[in-house]
Protein backbone atom coordinates (compact mmCIF):
# COMPACT_ATOMS: atom_id res chain seq x y z
CA MET A 1 21.77 -121.48 -191.68
CA ARG A 2 23.04 -118.80 -188.82
CA HIS A 3 25.24 -120.47 -186.86
CA VAL A 4 28.50 -119.81 -184.63
CA ILE A 5 31.89 -121.34 -184.05
CA ALA A 6 32.51 -123.75 -180.80
CA LEU A 7 36.09 -125.04 -179.92
CA ASP A 8 36.75 -127.40 -177.20
CA VAL A 9 40.53 -127.21 -176.08
CA GLY A 10 42.00 -129.70 -174.24
CA GLY A 11 46.08 -130.70 -173.50
CA THR A 12 46.62 -132.54 -176.77
CA GLY A 13 43.94 -132.00 -178.94
CA MET A 14 41.02 -130.16 -180.16
CA LYS A 15 37.44 -130.31 -180.76
CA ALA A 16 35.41 -127.75 -182.83
CA ALA A 17 32.18 -127.26 -184.10
CA LEU A 18 29.94 -125.65 -186.64
CA VAL A 19 26.94 -125.09 -183.79
CA GLY A 20 22.93 -123.67 -186.01
CA VAL A 21 21.30 -121.10 -183.55
CA ASP A 22 18.08 -120.42 -185.60
CA ALA A 23 16.66 -122.46 -182.45
CA ALA A 24 17.31 -121.65 -178.48
CA PRO A 25 18.89 -125.15 -177.50
CA THR A 26 17.57 -125.41 -173.92
CA GLY A 27 15.51 -127.82 -172.20
CA ARG A 28 15.59 -131.21 -173.91
CA THR A 29 16.17 -129.58 -176.89
CA PRO A 30 20.18 -129.80 -178.22
CA PRO A 31 21.81 -127.20 -179.66
CA VAL A 32 22.06 -128.29 -183.42
CA LEU A 33 25.86 -129.78 -184.77
CA LEU A 34 26.08 -128.66 -188.55
CA TYR A 35 29.68 -129.89 -188.52
CA GLU A 36 32.42 -131.19 -186.13
CA ALA A 37 36.24 -131.37 -186.33
CA ARG A 38 39.21 -132.13 -184.51
CA ARG A 39 42.91 -131.28 -184.59
CA PRO A 40 45.60 -131.68 -181.94
CA THR A 41 47.07 -128.51 -180.25
CA GLY A 42 50.39 -129.18 -181.04
CA ARG A 43 51.80 -128.54 -177.31
CA GLU A 44 55.20 -129.64 -178.14
CA ARG A 45 55.71 -127.08 -180.30
CA GLY A 46 55.43 -124.52 -177.26
CA PRO A 47 52.44 -122.48 -176.10
CA ASP A 48 52.82 -119.73 -178.91
CA ALA A 49 52.23 -122.74 -181.36
CA VAL A 50 49.30 -123.72 -179.60
CA VAL A 51 47.35 -120.05 -179.81
CA GLU A 52 48.21 -120.18 -183.06
CA ALA A 53 47.31 -123.61 -183.54
CA ILE A 54 43.36 -122.52 -182.07
CA LEU A 55 43.57 -119.52 -183.87
CA ASP A 56 43.79 -120.65 -187.44
CA PHE A 57 40.84 -124.07 -186.77
CA ALA A 58 38.92 -121.26 -185.48
CA ALA A 59 39.77 -119.42 -189.10
CA GLU A 60 39.04 -122.74 -190.78
CA LEU A 61 35.94 -123.17 -189.60
CA ARG A 62 34.54 -119.64 -189.87
CA ASP A 63 35.54 -119.80 -193.83
CA LEU A 64 33.79 -123.43 -193.87
CA GLY A 65 30.68 -122.03 -192.64
CA THR A 66 30.68 -119.00 -194.95
CA ALA A 67 31.51 -121.35 -197.97
CA ARG A 68 28.54 -123.81 -196.91
CA PHE A 69 26.09 -121.72 -195.64
CA GLY A 70 26.83 -118.57 -197.08
CA ALA A 71 27.16 -116.11 -193.90
CA PRO A 72 30.02 -116.24 -191.44
CA ALA A 73 29.83 -117.32 -188.06
CA LEU A 74 27.53 -115.03 -185.76
CA ALA A 75 29.69 -115.97 -182.79
CA ALA A 76 32.49 -118.09 -181.37
CA GLY A 77 32.47 -119.77 -177.90
CA VAL A 78 36.02 -121.25 -176.59
CA ALA A 79 36.52 -123.95 -173.58
CA VAL A 80 40.36 -123.91 -172.36
CA PRO A 81 41.84 -125.81 -169.52
CA GLY A 82 43.49 -124.18 -166.14
CA ILE A 83 43.03 -121.28 -165.00
CA VAL A 84 40.65 -118.97 -166.84
CA ASP A 85 39.14 -115.05 -166.38
CA GLU A 86 35.76 -115.23 -168.11
CA ARG A 87 35.28 -111.44 -167.22
CA SER A 88 38.28 -110.59 -169.44
CA GLY A 89 38.72 -113.01 -171.71
CA THR A 90 42.27 -113.99 -170.71
CA ALA A 91 43.81 -117.83 -170.39
CA VAL A 92 45.43 -116.81 -167.27
CA TYR A 93 47.36 -120.38 -166.88
CA ALA A 94 47.48 -124.13 -168.23
CA ALA A 95 50.45 -126.08 -166.73
CA ASN A 96 49.59 -128.72 -169.34
CA LEU A 97 49.81 -126.48 -171.92
CA GLY A 98 52.31 -124.13 -170.40
CA TRP A 99 50.85 -120.41 -171.05
CA ARG A 100 50.23 -117.98 -168.87
CA ASP A 101 47.59 -114.45 -169.49
CA VAL A 102 47.14 -115.16 -173.00
CA PRO A 103 44.20 -112.68 -174.30
CA MET A 104 42.42 -115.18 -175.85
CA ARG A 105 39.06 -114.05 -176.57
CA ALA A 106 40.73 -110.75 -178.17
CA LEU A 107 42.77 -112.65 -180.12
CA LEU A 108 40.29 -114.97 -181.77
CA SER A 109 37.60 -111.93 -182.33
CA GLU A 110 40.45 -110.45 -184.24
CA ARG A 111 41.42 -113.47 -186.47
CA LEU A 112 37.15 -113.90 -186.59
CA GLY A 113 36.95 -110.30 -188.05
CA GLY A 114 35.43 -108.75 -185.09
CA VAL A 115 33.00 -111.34 -184.05
CA PRO A 116 32.01 -111.42 -180.42
CA VAL A 117 33.81 -114.38 -179.13
CA ALA A 118 32.75 -116.04 -175.56
CA LEU A 119 36.10 -117.37 -173.13
CA GLY A 120 35.08 -120.09 -170.59
CA HIS A 121 36.70 -122.96 -168.26
CA ASP A 122 36.66 -126.41 -169.64
CA VAL A 123 35.18 -128.44 -166.98
CA ARG A 124 32.57 -125.61 -166.51
CA THR A 125 31.76 -124.89 -169.69
CA GLY A 126 31.12 -128.96 -170.00
CA GLY A 127 29.03 -128.23 -166.33
CA LEU A 128 26.81 -125.83 -168.50
CA ALA A 129 26.32 -128.38 -170.96
CA GLU A 130 25.23 -131.05 -168.82
CA GLY A 131 23.09 -128.41 -166.61
CA ARG A 132 21.24 -127.13 -169.98
CA ILE A 133 20.96 -130.24 -172.29
CA GLY A 134 21.94 -132.82 -170.04
CA ALA A 135 22.00 -135.04 -166.99
CA GLY A 136 21.44 -131.94 -164.86
CA GLN A 137 18.68 -130.04 -166.89
CA ASP A 138 16.16 -131.17 -163.97
CA ALA A 139 18.15 -130.16 -160.92
CA ASP A 140 18.23 -126.46 -160.14
CA ARG A 141 21.32 -127.47 -157.61
CA PHE A 142 23.96 -129.90 -159.43
CA LEU A 143 27.85 -130.77 -159.05
CA PHE A 144 29.20 -132.08 -162.21
CA VAL A 145 32.43 -133.89 -161.43
CA PRO A 146 34.55 -135.53 -164.32
CA LEU A 147 37.27 -137.91 -163.23
CA GLY A 148 39.80 -137.90 -166.57
CA THR A 149 43.79 -137.04 -166.13
CA GLY A 150 42.66 -134.89 -162.85
CA ILE A 151 39.40 -134.10 -161.32
CA ALA A 152 37.67 -130.71 -161.05
CA GLY A 153 34.05 -129.84 -160.41
CA ALA A 154 31.33 -126.98 -162.10
CA ILE A 155 28.33 -125.71 -159.69
CA GLY A 156 25.20 -125.05 -161.19
CA ILE A 157 23.02 -122.44 -159.76
CA GLY A 158 19.82 -121.66 -161.08
CA GLY A 159 20.88 -122.29 -164.95
CA ARG A 160 24.31 -120.97 -164.32
CA ILE A 161 27.82 -121.94 -163.40
CA GLU A 162 29.53 -120.82 -160.43
CA ALA A 163 33.17 -119.08 -161.53
CA GLY A 164 33.59 -117.83 -158.07
CA ALA A 165 35.76 -114.32 -156.90
CA HIS A 166 38.87 -115.49 -158.61
CA GLY A 167 37.61 -117.63 -161.49
CA SER A 168 38.53 -121.32 -159.73
CA ALA A 169 35.17 -122.61 -157.67
CA GLY A 170 34.92 -126.30 -157.83
CA GLU A 171 38.28 -127.18 -157.76
CA ILE A 172 37.33 -130.13 -155.72
CA GLY A 173 40.23 -132.37 -157.20
CA HIS A 174 42.83 -130.61 -154.87
CA ILE A 175 40.24 -131.08 -151.55
CA VAL A 176 42.52 -132.98 -149.00
CA VAL A 177 41.30 -136.35 -148.72
CA ARG A 178 44.46 -138.16 -147.03
CA PRO A 179 46.79 -136.03 -145.43
CA GLY A 180 50.27 -136.18 -145.98
CA GLY A 181 49.44 -138.85 -149.05
CA ARG A 182 50.67 -138.27 -152.60
CA ALA A 183 52.10 -135.23 -153.99
CA CYS A 184 49.98 -133.36 -155.89
CA GLY A 185 51.20 -130.84 -158.65
CA CYS A 186 49.27 -128.58 -157.02
CA GLY A 187 52.02 -128.80 -153.83
CA GLN A 188 49.62 -130.66 -151.45
CA ARG A 189 49.78 -133.74 -150.77
CA GLY A 190 46.76 -136.60 -150.22
CA CYS A 191 44.62 -134.35 -153.02
CA LEU A 192 41.88 -136.07 -154.42
CA GLU A 193 42.61 -136.22 -158.19
CA THR A 194 45.99 -138.08 -157.08
CA LEU A 195 44.05 -141.17 -156.02
CA ALA A 196 40.13 -141.29 -157.54
CA SER A 197 40.95 -139.97 -160.95
CA ALA A 198 40.91 -141.85 -164.04
CA ALA A 199 45.06 -141.52 -164.47
CA ALA A 200 45.46 -142.35 -160.52
CA VAL A 201 43.99 -145.56 -161.16
CA GLY A 202 45.71 -146.74 -164.50
CA ARG A 203 48.58 -145.72 -162.76
CA ASP A 204 47.64 -147.83 -159.30
CA TRP A 205 46.55 -150.60 -161.45
CA ALA A 206 49.32 -150.34 -163.77
CA ALA A 207 51.99 -150.89 -160.46
CA ALA A 208 49.64 -153.97 -159.26
CA CYS A 209 48.87 -156.23 -162.42
CA GLY A 210 52.89 -155.24 -163.36
CA ASP A 211 51.61 -154.03 -166.74
CA PRO A 212 53.22 -150.64 -167.33
CA GLN A 213 50.91 -149.90 -169.94
CA ALA A 214 47.49 -150.52 -168.44
CA GLY A 215 44.95 -148.08 -167.42
CA ALA A 216 41.77 -147.38 -165.92
CA ALA A 217 39.57 -149.21 -167.91
CA ASP A 218 41.66 -152.74 -167.83
CA ALA A 219 41.33 -151.67 -163.75
CA ALA A 220 37.44 -151.66 -164.10
CA LYS A 221 37.47 -154.72 -166.51
CA ALA A 222 39.46 -156.92 -163.96
CA VAL A 223 36.95 -155.76 -161.32
CA GLU A 224 33.99 -157.16 -163.65
CA LEU A 225 36.71 -160.69 -164.16
CA GLY A 226 36.40 -159.99 -160.30
CA ASP A 227 40.77 -159.74 -159.66
CA ALA A 228 41.35 -159.00 -156.10
CA ARG A 229 43.71 -157.15 -156.70
CA ALA A 230 42.19 -154.42 -159.14
CA HIS A 231 39.31 -155.05 -156.53
CA THR A 232 41.77 -153.05 -153.81
CA VAL A 233 42.53 -150.64 -156.67
CA TRP A 234 39.12 -149.76 -157.21
CA HIS A 235 38.37 -150.20 -154.19
CA ASN A 236 40.46 -147.30 -152.46
CA ALA A 237 39.68 -144.82 -155.34
CA VAL A 238 35.96 -145.43 -154.56
CA ASP A 239 36.92 -144.17 -150.50
CA ALA A 240 38.76 -141.60 -151.87
CA LEU A 241 36.00 -140.26 -154.51
CA ALA A 242 33.01 -141.04 -151.67
CA ASP A 243 35.62 -138.49 -149.33
CA GLY A 244 35.74 -136.08 -151.54
CA LEU A 245 32.50 -136.07 -152.84
CA VAL A 246 30.76 -135.65 -149.23
CA THR A 247 32.68 -132.74 -148.09
CA GLY A 248 31.61 -130.82 -151.82
CA LEU A 249 27.99 -131.62 -150.78
CA THR A 250 28.31 -130.94 -147.55
CA LEU A 251 29.17 -127.18 -148.59
CA LEU A 252 26.85 -126.89 -151.78
CA ASP A 253 24.00 -129.15 -151.10
CA PRO A 254 23.80 -130.11 -154.70
CA LYS A 255 19.88 -132.01 -155.33
CA THR A 256 22.34 -134.06 -158.22
CA LEU A 257 26.06 -135.50 -158.42
CA ILE A 258 27.08 -135.61 -162.44
CA ILE A 259 29.89 -137.67 -162.51
CA GLY A 260 31.58 -138.11 -166.12
CA GLY A 261 34.92 -138.42 -167.66
CA GLY A 262 36.86 -142.03 -168.75
CA LEU A 263 36.03 -143.01 -165.47
CA ALA A 264 32.29 -142.96 -165.48
CA GLU A 265 32.65 -145.00 -168.47
CA ALA A 266 32.78 -148.01 -166.52
CA GLY A 267 29.17 -147.85 -165.36
CA ASP A 268 27.76 -149.86 -163.04
CA THR A 269 31.05 -151.08 -161.89
CA LEU A 270 31.90 -147.17 -160.57
CA PHE A 271 28.25 -145.65 -159.73
CA THR A 272 27.13 -148.78 -157.73
CA PRO A 273 30.25 -149.13 -154.89
CA LEU A 274 29.80 -145.00 -155.17
CA ARG A 275 26.61 -144.97 -154.38
CA GLU A 276 26.69 -146.87 -151.43
CA ALA A 277 30.05 -145.13 -150.24
CA VAL A 278 28.48 -141.89 -150.16
CA ARG A 279 25.41 -143.21 -148.81
CA ARG A 280 27.47 -144.88 -145.34
CA ARG A 281 29.35 -141.73 -145.13
CA VAL A 282 26.31 -138.70 -144.81
CA THR A 283 24.81 -138.37 -141.79
CA PHE A 284 22.62 -134.83 -141.70
CA GLN A 285 22.85 -134.17 -145.04
CA ARG A 286 20.22 -135.00 -148.00
CA LEU A 287 21.21 -137.80 -150.16
CA PRO A 288 21.50 -136.24 -153.69
CA SER A 289 21.13 -138.32 -157.20
CA ILE A 290 24.66 -140.23 -157.98
CA VAL A 291 24.50 -139.85 -161.92
CA PRO A 292 26.48 -139.94 -165.12
CA ALA A 293 27.22 -137.38 -166.97
CA ALA A 294 24.93 -137.89 -170.65
CA LEU A 295 27.20 -135.99 -173.33
CA GLY A 296 30.34 -137.59 -172.42
CA ASP A 297 33.35 -135.60 -174.49
CA ALA A 298 31.12 -133.86 -176.56
CA ALA A 299 30.24 -131.58 -173.32
CA GLY A 300 32.69 -129.21 -173.76
CA CYS A 301 32.12 -128.48 -177.40
CA LEU A 302 28.83 -128.14 -176.79
CA GLY A 303 29.18 -126.02 -173.61
CA ALA A 304 31.23 -123.57 -176.05
CA GLY A 305 28.53 -123.57 -178.53
CA LEU A 306 26.02 -122.55 -176.32
CA LEU A 307 27.99 -119.75 -174.75
CA ALA A 308 28.50 -118.26 -178.07
CA TRP A 309 24.72 -118.63 -178.16
CA ASP A 310 24.47 -116.82 -174.91
CA LEU A 311 26.27 -114.11 -176.42
CA LEU A 312 23.75 -113.49 -179.00
CA SER A 313 20.92 -114.18 -176.80
CA THR A 314 22.46 -110.90 -174.75
CA GLU A 315 22.53 -108.86 -177.70
CA VAL A 316 18.94 -109.14 -178.66
CA THR A 317 17.84 -108.61 -175.19
CA ALA A 318 19.84 -105.55 -174.34
């Protein structure tokens, strides 16, 4: 079985898969997942240990693939957080992993015996998967916005994801929606992710209900039960999110807005008020479809597999 290695690296954990490539994963035909696994990043041991954990995990997958399918992986794709220079294959900066200027593509290719390796930004890679085999596959222009610990975006244009001139396109979480508001890790105040990320909603609900262990999922349940405090927290987050999304759709004019991440798991509790809040704000803009992501937390890993598959496709057609 011809296959590639796919790795999705997060702040605390890594997801990985061996992905079959005997058929092109396009349209409604998803990649074939032959094997899946998870590992911690070990970030508490420092940035060098995280890099080594990634390399070791990839090597384990190569060995497993060789043993099961009679040949090693043909290529590998890896998605990482932070600032990524996809052309040079460098993980430029990741605050939650503590690394700077890691030549990830070269290191992985060396560990894997010289196979081609593609490096991608985690959210853009997830957006690639949503656009090709998920919620955006019928849209030639879409904006994918996962709402997790932070908020970022992936801009889908004609079957590709726009990285920008410097590799930082789509950082919608750092649009200022409440000037002078909460301090953000980026150095600004009032950024969208300080108000409408899953982490922000969880923090606000914990303060409102007095339970320091409460999170965004608890807030959503309380909204569904009619708790007035939860409704206030939720309303504030949805309003901020709508402001940020309308800025995004004004600039990009997408056909579809795809909302993912932990907060999207609230379903209609999020999407019903969000669609209405966006509708109220648009004037001349065309209102896009606002839909939940289809691939869940598998999007990054699936996207990494697509990156690797695309490397092979490029080699064949070159």
